[in-house]
Amino acid sequence: MTMTIAAIYENGLLKPQQPLELADGAMVQLIIHLWAPAASWSEKGEERRRELIDKDVHGAITSDELVELEILDQLANEHFDRVAPPPIDGARRLHERLSK
């Protein structure tokens, strides 16, 4: 069964907008889709990402912060792929030369 539930991400927690009623022992798979306003990259997002990376390196990051870091990493990758795509053409030419 698939169910869509509206939720907000607040203070490192995903909060459903309606109660979830699950049977004992039920398994839940969570798929998060970010919508446009939450999915825009900013300097503030980059600062937070760097803070979380530092915490991760020092072993002081919480599980909620790890989720936040994954989201920020995804947003950063999407942003940088848009503004500065990787140089695929040069890599293709090098691959062709090495393959010969």
Protein backbone atom coordinates (compact mmCIF):
# COMPACT_ATOMS: atom_id res chain seq x y z
CA MET A 1 0.00 0.00 0.00
CA THR A 2 1.26 3.47 -0.86
CA MET A 3 0.13 6.52 1.06
CA THR A 4 1.04 10.18 0.65
CA ILE A 5 1.13 12.29 3.80
CA ALA A 6 1.90 16.00 4.02
CA ALA A 7 4.72 16.78 6.44
CA ILE A 8 7.05 19.62 7.33
CA TYR A 9 10.74 19.47 8.17
CA GLU A 10 11.29 21.47 11.34
CA ASN A 11 14.27 21.58 13.69
CA GLY A 12 15.76 18.43 12.19
CA LEU A 13 12.52 16.43 12.42
CA LEU A 14 9.99 15.39 9.80
CA LYS A 15 6.56 16.12 11.30
CA PRO A 16 3.45 14.59 9.65
CA GLN A 17 0.49 16.95 9.30
CA GLN A 18 -1.89 14.16 10.29
CA PRO A 19 -1.59 11.28 12.76
CA LEU A 20 -0.12 8.02 11.47
CA GLU A 21 -2.00 4.91 12.55
CA LEU A 22 0.19 1.83 12.14
CA ALA A 23 -0.37 -1.74 13.27
CA ASP A 24 2.12 -3.21 15.74
CA GLY A 25 5.21 -4.39 13.88
CA ALA A 26 4.28 -2.44 10.72
CA MET A 27 7.15 -1.46 8.45
CA VAL A 28 7.31 2.01 6.91
CA GLN A 29 9.33 3.17 3.91
CA LEU A 30 9.85 6.92 3.84
CA ILE A 31 10.37 8.70 0.53
CA ILE A 32 10.96 12.44 0.77
CA HIS A 33 10.22 14.71 -2.18
CA LEU A 34 11.44 18.27 -1.80
CA TRP A 35 9.34 20.95 -3.42
CA ALA A 36 10.74 24.04 -5.06
CA PRO A 37 10.91 26.57 -2.18
CA ALA A 38 12.66 24.07 0.10
CA ALA A 39 14.87 22.90 -2.73
CA SER A 40 16.60 26.16 -3.54
CA TRP A 41 20.31 26.43 -2.80
CA SER A 42 21.59 29.34 -0.76
CA GLU A 43 24.71 30.57 1.00
CA LYS A 44 22.97 29.84 4.30
CA GLY A 45 22.48 26.23 3.17
CA GLU A 46 26.18 26.00 2.28
CA GLU A 47 27.18 27.34 5.72
CA ARG A 48 24.96 24.79 7.45
CA ARG A 49 26.33 22.01 5.23
CA ARG A 50 29.90 22.93 6.24
CA GLU A 51 28.94 22.95 9.94
CA LEU A 52 27.43 19.48 9.59
CA ILE A 53 30.45 18.16 7.69
CA ASP A 54 32.70 19.39 10.52
CA LYS A 55 30.47 17.69 13.10
CA ASP A 56 30.51 14.48 11.04
CA VAL A 57 34.32 14.51 10.77
CA HIS A 58 34.60 14.99 14.54
CA GLY A 59 32.08 12.20 15.23
CA ALA A 60 29.66 14.57 16.94
CA ILE A 61 26.77 14.50 14.44
CA THR A 62 23.31 13.23 15.40
CA SER A 63 21.17 10.96 13.23
CA ASP A 64 18.81 13.86 12.49
CA GLU A 65 21.75 15.99 11.41
CA LEU A 66 22.99 13.18 9.15
CA VAL A 67 19.63 13.23 7.36
CA GLU A 68 19.87 17.01 7.05
CA LEU A 69 23.41 16.69 5.68
CA GLU A 70 22.27 14.17 3.06
CA ILE A 71 19.54 16.57 1.92
CA LEU A 72 21.95 19.51 1.79
CA ASP A 73 24.51 17.40 -0.12
CA GLN A 74 21.86 16.49 -2.68
CA LEU A 75 20.82 20.13 -3.08
CA ALA A 76 24.47 21.20 -3.42
CA ASN A 77 25.16 18.56 -6.07
CA GLU A 78 22.08 19.55 -8.06
CA HIS A 79 23.02 23.24 -7.81
CA PHE A 80 26.64 22.76 -8.89
CA ASP A 81 25.63 20.41 -11.72
CA ARG A 82 23.39 23.22 -13.02
CA VAL A 83 25.88 26.09 -12.69
CA ALA A 84 29.08 24.19 -13.53
CA PRO A 85 28.39 20.83 -15.17
CA PRO A 86 31.27 18.35 -15.13
CA PRO A 87 33.48 18.40 -18.28
CA ILE A 88 32.11 15.21 -19.83
CA ASP A 89 33.46 15.89 -23.35
CA GLY A 90 37.08 15.89 -22.21
CA ALA A 91 36.54 12.68 -20.24
CA ARG A 92 34.96 11.03 -23.31
CA ARG A 93 37.90 11.97 -25.53
CA LEU A 94 40.36 10.66 -22.94
CA HIS A 95 38.38 7.41 -22.65
CA GLU A 96 38.39 6.98 -26.44
CA ARG A 97 42.17 7.60 -26.61
CA LEU A 98 42.86 5.13 -23.81
CA SER A 99 40.54 2.54 -25.36
CA LYS A 100 42.52 2.56 -28.65
